[in-house]
Amino acid sequence: MKVSRDFGIVVRRAALAAKEVDLSTVMAEFKLRTYFDESNSLISLGPFFGGDAADECLRSLKRLGLTYIDDCFIFDGFVPDWCSFEVF
């Protein structure tokens, strides 16, 4: 699954199910119409343009009951445009 290099957020589907979290409010709050990408076990959100926007989204996810690192994380890196990342 692809992850945005511009402050992408990865969320585990199992965590969403276990904690009965609905991402629709977060998607609406941050004006995300679709996931950046998704797999059977993960959801990729983004890109978030700037660390402040990603941090605010992470705070929203925490308010819904998700735990940073165990359930979701922010991917951030300084890489050239020709470089992409995936998580499994």
N, C-alpha and C. Protein backbone atom coordinates (compact mmCIF):
# COMPACT_ATOMS: atom_id res chain seq x y z
N MET A 1 0.83 -1.16 0.00
CA MET A 1 0.00 0.00 0.00
C MET A 1 0.89 1.24 0.00
N LYS A 2 0.53 2.20 -0.83
CA LYS A 2 1.31 3.44 -0.91
C LYS A 2 1.03 4.33 0.29
N VAL A 3 2.06 5.08 0.68
CA VAL A 3 1.91 6.06 1.75
C VAL A 3 2.46 7.39 1.24
N SER A 4 1.74 8.45 1.54
CA SER A 4 2.17 9.77 1.09
C SER A 4 3.45 10.18 1.80
N ARG A 5 4.38 10.71 1.04
CA ARG A 5 5.62 11.19 1.66
C ARG A 5 5.45 12.58 2.24
N ASP A 6 4.31 13.20 1.96
CA ASP A 6 4.00 14.53 2.51
C ASP A 6 3.11 14.37 3.73
N PHE A 7 3.73 13.97 4.84
CA PHE A 7 3.01 13.81 6.10
C PHE A 7 1.82 12.86 5.96
N GLY A 8 2.08 11.66 5.46
CA GLY A 8 1.03 10.65 5.35
C GLY A 8 0.75 10.01 6.69
N ILE A 9 -0.49 9.56 6.89
CA ILE A 9 -0.87 8.87 8.12
C ILE A 9 -1.34 7.47 7.74
N VAL A 10 -0.83 6.46 8.44
CA VAL A 10 -1.20 5.08 8.22
C VAL A 10 -1.98 4.60 9.45
N VAL A 11 -3.13 3.96 9.20
CA VAL A 11 -4.00 3.48 10.26
C VAL A 11 -4.25 1.99 10.06
N ARG A 12 -4.18 1.22 11.15
CA ARG A 12 -4.46 -0.22 11.07
C ARG A 12 -5.97 -0.46 11.09
N ARG A 13 -6.48 -1.22 10.14
CA ARG A 13 -7.91 -1.55 10.09
C ARG A 13 -8.35 -2.31 11.35
N ALA A 14 -7.50 -3.20 11.86
CA ALA A 14 -7.84 -3.99 13.05
C ALA A 14 -8.09 -3.08 14.25
N ALA A 15 -7.32 -2.00 14.35
CA ALA A 15 -7.51 -1.05 15.45
C ALA A 15 -8.84 -0.32 15.31
N LEU A 16 -9.19 0.05 14.07
CA LEU A 16 -10.47 0.71 13.84
C LEU A 16 -11.62 -0.20 14.25
N ALA A 17 -11.54 -1.46 13.88
CA ALA A 17 -12.61 -2.42 14.21
C ALA A 17 -12.67 -2.69 15.71
N ALA A 18 -11.51 -2.92 16.33
CA ALA A 18 -11.48 -3.25 17.75
C ALA A 18 -11.99 -2.10 18.62
N LYS A 19 -11.72 -0.88 18.20
CA LYS A 19 -12.12 0.29 18.99
C LYS A 19 -13.38 0.95 18.44
N GLU A 20 -13.99 0.28 17.45
CA GLU A 20 -15.23 0.76 16.84
C GLU A 20 -15.13 2.22 16.40
N VAL A 21 -14.05 2.53 15.68
CA VAL A 21 -13.79 3.88 15.20
C VAL A 21 -14.28 4.02 13.75
N ASP A 22 -15.04 5.07 13.50
CA ASP A 22 -15.51 5.39 12.16
C ASP A 22 -14.69 6.58 11.65
N LEU A 23 -13.97 6.37 10.55
CA LEU A 23 -13.10 7.43 10.02
C LEU A 23 -13.86 8.52 9.27
N SER A 24 -15.15 8.37 9.06
CA SER A 24 -15.88 9.34 8.23
C SER A 24 -15.82 10.75 8.80
N THR A 25 -15.85 10.90 10.13
CA THR A 25 -15.77 12.26 10.70
C THR A 25 -14.41 12.88 10.46
N VAL A 26 -13.35 12.08 10.56
CA VAL A 26 -11.99 12.58 10.31
C VAL A 26 -11.84 12.91 8.82
N MET A 27 -12.37 12.06 7.97
CA MET A 27 -12.30 12.30 6.53
C MET A 27 -12.99 13.63 6.18
N ALA A 28 -14.16 13.86 6.77
CA ALA A 28 -14.90 15.10 6.50
C ALA A 28 -14.17 16.30 7.06
N GLU A 29 -13.67 16.18 8.28
CA GLU A 29 -12.98 17.29 8.94
C GLU A 29 -11.78 17.77 8.12
N PHE A 30 -11.07 16.85 7.50
CA PHE A 30 -9.87 17.20 6.75
C PHE A 30 -10.10 17.21 5.24
N LYS A 31 -11.38 17.19 4.86
CA LYS A 31 -11.77 17.31 3.45
C LYS A 31 -11.09 16.26 2.56
N LEU A 32 -11.02 15.04 3.08
CA LEU A 32 -10.48 13.92 2.32
C LEU A 32 -11.65 13.14 1.75
N ARG A 33 -11.77 13.10 0.43
CA ARG A 33 -12.88 12.38 -0.20
C ARG A 33 -12.60 10.89 -0.30
N THR A 34 -11.34 10.52 -0.44
CA THR A 34 -10.96 9.11 -0.55
C THR A 34 -9.68 8.88 0.26
N TYR A 35 -9.39 7.61 0.51
CA TYR A 35 -8.12 7.27 1.13
C TYR A 35 -7.01 7.50 0.11
N PHE A 36 -5.82 7.81 0.59
CA PHE A 36 -4.67 7.93 -0.32
C PHE A 36 -4.43 6.57 -0.96
N ASP A 37 -4.53 5.51 -0.14
CA ASP A 37 -4.45 4.13 -0.61
C ASP A 37 -4.96 3.24 0.51
N GLU A 38 -5.16 1.97 0.22
CA GLU A 38 -5.62 1.05 1.25
C GLU A 38 -5.24 -0.38 0.88
N SER A 39 -5.16 -1.21 1.90
CA SER A 39 -4.93 -2.64 1.72
C SER A 39 -5.93 -3.36 2.62
N ASN A 40 -5.82 -4.68 2.69
CA ASN A 40 -6.72 -5.44 3.57
C ASN A 40 -6.52 -5.09 5.03
N SER A 41 -5.33 -4.67 5.41
CA SER A 41 -5.04 -4.43 6.83
C SER A 41 -4.73 -2.99 7.19
N LEU A 42 -4.51 -2.12 6.19
CA LEU A 42 -4.10 -0.75 6.47
C LEU A 42 -4.86 0.26 5.62
N ILE A 43 -4.94 1.48 6.15
CA ILE A 43 -5.51 2.62 5.41
C ILE A 43 -4.48 3.73 5.43
N SER A 44 -4.25 4.33 4.28
CA SER A 44 -3.31 5.44 4.15
C SER A 44 -4.09 6.73 3.92
N LEU A 45 -3.86 7.73 4.76
CA LEU A 45 -4.50 9.04 4.63
C LEU A 45 -3.47 10.08 4.22
N GLY A 46 -3.90 11.08 3.49
CA GLY A 46 -3.00 12.16 3.12
C GLY A 46 -3.15 12.50 1.65
N PRO A 47 -2.28 13.29 1.13
CA PRO A 47 -1.20 13.95 1.86
C PRO A 47 -1.71 15.12 2.71
N PHE A 48 -0.99 15.37 3.78
CA PHE A 48 -1.25 16.53 4.62
C PHE A 48 -0.12 17.51 4.37
N PHE A 49 -0.45 18.69 3.93
CA PHE A 49 0.58 19.65 3.56
C PHE A 49 0.99 20.46 4.78
N GLY A 50 2.00 19.93 5.46
CA GLY A 50 2.54 20.57 6.65
C GLY A 50 2.32 19.70 7.87
N GLY A 51 3.29 19.76 8.74
CA GLY A 51 3.24 18.99 9.96
C GLY A 51 2.08 19.36 10.86
N ASP A 52 1.69 20.63 10.86
CA ASP A 52 0.58 21.05 11.71
C ASP A 52 -0.72 20.35 11.32
N ALA A 53 -0.98 20.22 10.03
CA ALA A 53 -2.20 19.55 9.55
C ALA A 53 -2.17 18.07 9.93
N ALA A 54 -1.04 17.42 9.76
CA ALA A 54 -0.92 16.01 10.13
C ALA A 54 -1.08 15.83 11.63
N ASP A 55 -0.47 16.71 12.41
CA ASP A 55 -0.60 16.64 13.86
C ASP A 55 -2.05 16.82 14.30
N GLU A 56 -2.77 17.73 13.66
CA GLU A 56 -4.18 17.95 14.00
C GLU A 56 -5.01 16.72 13.67
N CYS A 57 -4.73 16.08 12.54
CA CYS A 57 -5.43 14.85 12.19
C CYS A 57 -5.12 13.75 13.20
N LEU A 58 -3.87 13.65 13.60
CA LEU A 58 -3.49 12.66 14.59
C LEU A 58 -4.22 12.91 15.91
N ARG A 59 -4.34 14.16 16.31
CA ARG A 59 -5.10 14.48 17.54
C ARG A 59 -6.55 14.04 17.40
N SER A 60 -7.14 14.22 16.22
CA SER A 60 -8.51 13.77 15.98
C SER A 60 -8.61 12.25 16.11
N LEU A 61 -7.63 11.53 15.56
CA LEU A 61 -7.62 10.08 15.67
C LEU A 61 -7.48 9.63 17.12
N LYS A 62 -6.66 10.33 17.88
CA LYS A 62 -6.49 10.00 19.30
C LYS A 62 -7.78 10.25 20.07
N ARG A 63 -8.49 11.33 19.75
CA ARG A 63 -9.77 11.61 20.41
C ARG A 63 -10.78 10.49 20.15
N LEU A 64 -10.66 9.85 19.00
CA LEU A 64 -11.55 8.74 18.68
C LEU A 64 -11.13 7.44 19.36
N GLY A 65 -9.98 7.45 20.03
CA GLY A 65 -9.54 6.29 20.79
C GLY A 65 -8.34 5.55 20.24
N LEU A 66 -7.78 6.01 19.14
CA LEU A 66 -6.60 5.33 18.58
C LEU A 66 -5.33 5.74 19.32
N THR A 67 -4.37 4.84 19.37
CA THR A 67 -3.11 5.06 20.06
C THR A 67 -1.99 5.24 19.04
N TYR A 68 -1.19 6.31 19.23
CA TYR A 68 -0.09 6.57 18.31
C TYR A 68 0.91 5.42 18.36
N ILE A 69 1.41 5.03 17.26
CA ILE A 69 2.34 3.94 16.97
C ILE A 69 1.63 2.59 16.96
N ASP A 70 0.89 2.23 18.01
CA ASP A 70 0.21 0.93 18.01
C ASP A 70 -0.90 0.85 16.96
N ASP A 71 -1.66 1.94 16.78
CA ASP A 71 -2.81 1.95 15.88
C ASP A 71 -2.60 2.77 14.62
N CYS A 72 -1.77 3.79 14.71
CA CYS A 72 -1.55 4.70 13.57
C CYS A 72 -0.23 5.44 13.76
N PHE A 73 0.29 5.97 12.66
CA PHE A 73 1.52 6.76 12.75
C PHE A 73 1.59 7.75 11.59
N ILE A 74 2.41 8.77 11.77
CA ILE A 74 2.66 9.77 10.73
C ILE A 74 3.96 9.39 10.03
N PHE A 75 3.91 9.34 8.70
CA PHE A 75 5.11 9.12 7.90
C PHE A 75 5.55 10.45 7.35
N ASP A 76 6.79 10.82 7.61
CA ASP A 76 7.33 12.10 7.17
C ASP A 76 8.77 11.91 6.75
N GLY A 77 9.11 12.47 5.62
CA GLY A 77 10.49 12.37 5.19
C GLY A 77 10.80 13.36 4.08
N PHE A 78 12.05 13.72 3.98
CA PHE A 78 12.49 14.61 2.92
C PHE A 78 13.09 13.74 1.82
N VAL A 79 12.32 13.56 0.76
CA VAL A 79 12.74 12.70 -0.34
C VAL A 79 12.44 13.38 -1.66
N PRO A 80 13.14 13.00 -2.72
CA PRO A 80 12.86 13.59 -4.03
C PRO A 80 11.52 13.12 -4.58
N ASP A 81 11.00 13.85 -5.56
CA ASP A 81 9.71 13.54 -6.16
C ASP A 81 9.66 12.17 -6.81
N TRP A 82 10.79 11.67 -7.28
CA TRP A 82 10.80 10.39 -7.96
C TRP A 82 10.76 9.20 -7.00
N CYS A 83 10.80 9.46 -5.70
CA CYS A 83 10.82 8.40 -4.70
C CYS A 83 9.43 8.20 -4.10
N SER A 84 9.01 6.95 -3.92
CA SER A 84 7.73 6.65 -3.28
C SER A 84 7.94 5.58 -2.21
N PHE A 85 6.97 5.44 -1.32
CA PHE A 85 7.08 4.50 -0.21
C PHE A 85 5.83 3.65 -0.12
N GLU A 86 6.01 2.43 0.38
CA GLU A 86 4.90 1.53 0.62
C GLU A 86 5.07 0.90 1.99
N VAL A 87 3.92 0.55 2.60
CA VAL A 87 3.93 -0.18 3.87
C VAL A 87 3.15 -1.47 3.68
N PHE A 88 3.50 -2.48 4.44
CA PHE A 88 2.86 -3.79 4.32
C PHE A 88 2.35 -4.25 5.66
